[in-house]
Protein backbone atom coordinates (compact mmCIF):
# COMPACT_ATOMS: atom_id res chain seq x y z
CA UNK A 1 53.18 -80.71 -36.96
CA UNK A 2 53.40 -78.76 -33.72
CA UNK A 3 53.09 -75.50 -35.70
CA UNK A 4 49.75 -76.67 -37.16
CA UNK A 5 48.49 -77.69 -33.71
CA UNK A 6 49.61 -74.35 -32.25
CA UNK A 7 47.83 -72.47 -35.05
CA UNK A 8 44.70 -74.55 -34.50
CA UNK A 9 44.83 -73.82 -30.76
CA UNK A 10 45.36 -70.10 -31.47
CA UNK A 11 42.39 -70.12 -33.87
CA UNK A 12 40.20 -71.80 -31.27
CA UNK A 13 41.50 -69.39 -28.64
CA UNK A 14 40.64 -66.40 -30.83
CA UNK A 15 37.18 -67.78 -31.61
CA UNK A 16 36.55 -68.32 -27.90
CA UNK A 17 37.80 -64.83 -27.09
CA UNK A 18 35.59 -63.29 -29.77
CA UNK A 19 32.51 -65.19 -28.58
CA UNK A 20 33.29 -64.21 -24.99
CA UNK A 21 33.62 -60.53 -25.85
CA UNK A 22 30.49 -60.69 -28.01
CA UNK A 23 28.57 -62.35 -25.18
CA UNK A 24 29.74 -59.72 -22.71
CA UNK A 25 28.62 -56.94 -25.06
CA UNK A 26 25.22 -58.57 -25.47
CA UNK A 27 24.78 -58.81 -21.70
CA UNK A 28 25.97 -55.23 -21.20
CA UNK A 29 23.95 -53.50 -23.90
CA UNK A 30 20.89 -55.71 -24.19
CA UNK A 31 19.72 -55.64 -20.61
CA UNK A 32 16.30 -57.24 -20.07
CA UNK A 33 15.08 -54.32 -17.93
CA UNK A 34 12.16 -52.56 -19.63
CA UNK A 35 12.54 -48.87 -20.58
CA UNK A 36 9.98 -46.33 -19.44
CA UNK A 37 6.95 -46.41 -21.74
CA UNK A 38 6.96 -42.64 -22.42
CA UNK A 39 10.37 -42.68 -24.14
CA UNK A 40 10.31 -41.56 -27.78
CA UNK A 41 13.24 -42.04 -30.13
CA UNK A 42 15.84 -44.72 -29.77
CA UNK A 43 17.29 -45.77 -26.45
CA UNK A 44 20.71 -44.84 -27.80
CA UNK A 45 19.57 -41.26 -28.55
CA UNK A 46 18.01 -40.79 -25.12
CA UNK A 47 20.98 -42.30 -23.28
CA UNK A 48 23.38 -40.12 -25.29
CA UNK A 49 21.39 -36.94 -24.54
CA UNK A 50 21.37 -37.77 -20.84
CA UNK A 51 25.08 -38.69 -20.81
CA UNK A 52 25.98 -35.42 -22.57
CA UNK A 53 23.96 -33.47 -20.01
CA UNK A 54 25.54 -35.28 -17.07
CA UNK A 55 29.00 -34.69 -18.51
CA UNK A 56 28.61 -30.98 -19.28
CA UNK A 57 26.65 -30.15 -16.12
CA UNK A 58 28.48 -32.31 -13.57
CA UNK A 59 31.82 -33.55 -14.91
CA UNK A 60 33.65 -31.91 -12.00
CA UNK A 61 31.23 -33.27 -9.38
CA UNK A 62 31.37 -36.51 -7.39
CA UNK A 63 29.53 -39.49 -8.88
CA UNK A 64 26.64 -38.79 -6.49
CA UNK A 65 26.37 -35.32 -8.05
CA UNK A 66 26.34 -36.84 -11.53
CA UNK A 67 23.48 -39.13 -10.48
CA UNK A 68 21.65 -36.14 -8.98
CA UNK A 69 21.81 -34.24 -12.29
CA UNK A 70 20.47 -37.34 -14.07
CA UNK A 71 17.59 -37.59 -11.58
CA UNK A 72 16.63 -33.95 -12.19
CA UNK A 73 16.18 -34.73 -15.90
CA UNK A 74 14.34 -37.97 -15.06
CA UNK A 75 12.03 -36.11 -12.65
CA UNK A 76 11.25 -33.53 -15.34
CA UNK A 77 10.38 -36.27 -17.82
CA UNK A 78 7.87 -37.57 -15.22
CA UNK A 79 6.42 -34.09 -14.60
CA UNK A 80 3.53 -32.94 -16.82
CA UNK A 81 4.96 -29.42 -17.08
CA UNK A 82 7.98 -30.63 -19.02
CA UNK A 83 8.52 -32.55 -22.26
CA UNK A 84 8.24 -36.35 -22.37
CA UNK A 85 11.79 -37.42 -23.25
CA UNK A 86 15.29 -36.86 -21.94
CA UNK A 87 16.41 -35.17 -25.16
CA UNK A 88 13.38 -32.86 -25.23
CA UNK A 89 13.87 -31.87 -21.58
CA UNK A 90 17.57 -31.18 -22.06
CA UNK A 91 17.06 -29.24 -25.30
CA UNK A 92 14.07 -27.26 -24.00
CA UNK A 93 14.25 -23.53 -24.51
CA UNK A 94 13.47 -20.77 -26.97
CA UNK A 95 14.71 -21.14 -30.55
CA UNK A 96 15.32 -18.81 -33.47
CA UNK A 97 15.29 -19.54 -37.20
CA UNK A 98 18.50 -19.61 -39.18
CA UNK A 99 19.06 -16.50 -41.28
CA UNK A 100 20.00 -18.73 -44.23
CA UNK A 101 17.19 -21.28 -44.01
CA UNK A 102 14.05 -20.44 -42.01
CA UNK A 103 13.21 -24.15 -41.67
CA UNK A 104 16.30 -24.68 -39.48
CA UNK A 105 16.11 -23.45 -35.90
CA UNK A 106 18.82 -22.88 -33.31
CA UNK A 107 18.52 -22.49 -29.54
CA UNK A 108 18.71 -18.89 -28.32
CA UNK A 109 22.12 -18.41 -26.72
CA UNK A 110 22.15 -18.67 -22.90
CA UNK A 111 18.37 -19.21 -22.64
CA UNK A 112 18.14 -23.01 -22.31
CA UNK A 113 17.12 -25.07 -19.29
CA UNK A 114 20.65 -26.51 -19.19
CA UNK A 115 23.23 -23.84 -19.93
CA UNK A 116 25.76 -25.98 -21.81
CA UNK A 117 23.23 -26.78 -24.53
CA UNK A 118 23.03 -23.21 -25.83
CA UNK A 119 26.20 -21.55 -24.60
CA UNK A 120 27.58 -21.21 -28.12
CA UNK A 121 30.56 -23.46 -27.39
CA UNK A 122 31.35 -26.78 -29.04
CA UNK A 123 29.95 -29.92 -27.44
CA UNK A 124 32.63 -32.43 -28.42
CA UNK A 125 33.94 -34.41 -25.46
CA UNK A 126 37.69 -33.73 -25.07
CA UNK A 127 39.86 -36.84 -25.43
CA UNK A 128 41.38 -36.29 -21.97
CA UNK A 129 37.89 -36.61 -20.43
CA UNK A 130 36.81 -39.86 -22.15
CA UNK A 131 36.86 -41.78 -18.84
CA UNK A 132 34.60 -39.20 -17.17
CA UNK A 133 32.23 -39.43 -20.14
CA UNK A 134 32.15 -43.23 -19.81
CA UNK A 135 30.92 -42.78 -16.24
CA UNK A 136 28.23 -40.39 -17.50
CA UNK A 137 27.14 -42.96 -20.10
CA UNK A 138 26.90 -45.72 -17.50
CA UNK A 139 24.85 -43.51 -15.16
CA UNK A 140 22.59 -42.66 -18.12
CA UNK A 141 22.00 -46.34 -18.86
CA UNK A 142 21.20 -47.05 -15.23
CA UNK A 143 18.68 -44.20 -15.04
CA UNK A 144 17.15 -44.85 -18.48
CA UNK A 145 16.52 -48.53 -17.79
CA UNK A 146 15.22 -47.85 -14.27
CA UNK A 147 17.94 -49.88 -12.57
CA UNK A 148 18.49 -47.32 -9.80
CA UNK A 149 15.17 -46.25 -8.40
CA UNK A 150 16.20 -44.47 -5.20
CA UNK A 151 15.94 -40.80 -6.19
CA UNK A 152 18.66 -39.21 -4.09
CA UNK A 153 17.29 -35.74 -4.93
CA UNK A 154 13.84 -36.44 -3.43
CA UNK A 155 12.05 -35.35 -6.61
CA UNK A 156 14.23 -32.36 -7.52
CA UNK A 157 13.42 -30.67 -10.81
CA UNK A 158 15.91 -27.80 -10.52
CA UNK A 159 19.47 -27.16 -9.39
CA UNK A 160 22.13 -24.49 -9.57
CA UNK A 161 25.77 -24.05 -8.65
CA UNK A 162 26.42 -22.66 -5.18
CA UNK A 163 28.04 -19.52 -6.61
CA UNK A 164 24.90 -18.28 -8.42
CA UNK A 165 21.63 -17.12 -6.88
CA UNK A 166 18.71 -17.51 -9.33
CA UNK A 167 15.44 -15.82 -8.35
CA UNK A 168 13.46 -19.06 -8.81
CA UNK A 169 15.23 -20.70 -5.86
CA UNK A 170 12.97 -18.84 -3.42
CA UNK A 171 9.88 -20.56 -4.86
CA UNK A 172 11.27 -24.13 -4.64
CA UNK A 173 11.97 -26.55 -1.80
CA UNK A 174 15.65 -27.31 -1.24
CA UNK A 175 16.20 -31.09 -1.19
CA UNK A 176 19.92 -31.79 -1.48
CA UNK A 177 23.37 -30.27 -1.62
CA UNK A 178 26.05 -32.36 -3.31
CA UNK A 179 29.38 -31.08 -4.54
CA UNK A 180 28.81 -27.45 -5.45
CA UNK A 181 25.23 -27.96 -6.69
CA UNK A 182 22.06 -27.23 -4.73
CA UNK A 183 18.92 -29.17 -5.73
CA UNK A 184 15.27 -28.11 -5.45
CA UNK A 185 11.82 -29.61 -5.93
CA UNK A 186 8.91 -27.76 -7.54
CA UNK A 187 6.16 -28.66 -5.08
CA UNK A 188 3.15 -28.18 -7.38
CA UNK A 189 4.44 -31.02 -9.54
CA UNK A 190 1.88 -33.62 -10.57
CA UNK A 191 2.90 -36.90 -12.16
CA UNK A 192 2.00 -37.44 -15.80
């Protein structure tokens, strides 16, 4: 008889645990905060694009630097000179048709707005960096859903590593240095 009671208690325990986990997932992923109205595509697609960009551009930076990279993309989405979504901003750059199928296009190597996107290397997240990628995903969610509105970059639309010296930097206003990235704002920017 005690075995039946123990099994019943274990069943109830498991049901409670499952409902608790399910409830936590609902609260985590179904936040009531409204997404920006200009977002096209699914929230999952946009968050994934932004997380990938944060990871590949700032995985070796402090969390503040990861947020700064996310704000640059967010600021570009809000700027009329750039595309309207996170994915479009990140994937912006010249393309070329496939030699096999002219309807398929590929980004021109090393000519993208964000270098990792068209560097010719694979974009799979290494298993040893899964925890860093989880941070990038969480930052992406926070930015996408507008839960962190203090733009630490002061409107930056550009950045570069401190060991390169792009010509465009002379035409922009420096706003922030974090980690080994320097951030700039394009002053002529008008909101969409």
